[in-house]
Amino acid sequence: MALSAGVGQVRFYPAGGHEAALAGFVQRFLKRPSPSGDDWVEEIASAKHKLLVRSFLSDLKNAENKLNEIIPPGSRIDVYDHRSQQAGEEEKLSQQERRALEYLISNEFVGKWNFRATEFGEVVGEGGQVVFKAATIDAIKKALNNL
């Protein structure tokens, strides 16, 4: 068998019985697609732009590798970028919000609407309908203490 290589191609000239094996080798190893999936970069005409894109792709791959080393698999990261607010300002209750929550747990509010607390921590109305579910009053108190 004779093998002739042209520019960008391989031609086979059969001379024996191993053509199929050799063709399989060429298909498997010489014509396999790029493992990175960056074939689209080759379509860029400008050499400068192609170099810049390859540089960006390399930086991106390095950043992804660093993240994979630092962050455990399956983790979730939330990024809050509120540049217009001071740090910690959004977590604090305003005076109006604080007064509203304090009123909800006050004796004045409970008495005005004839509410009562049950043994399960619920607040119910006169007819027994649930106004605040269990642990709501405790949650409001925690919010007032921590915010």
Foldseek 3Di string as FASTA:
>chain_A
DDWDDDVPDTDDDDDDDCPVVVVVVCVVPVVDDDPVPVPVLVVDDDPVVSVVVVVVVVVVVVVVVVCPVPDDPPDDDDDDDDPVDDPPPVLDDDPVRLVVLVCVLDPVNCVVQVWDADPQQFIAGPVRHTPGDGCPNVVSVVSNVPD
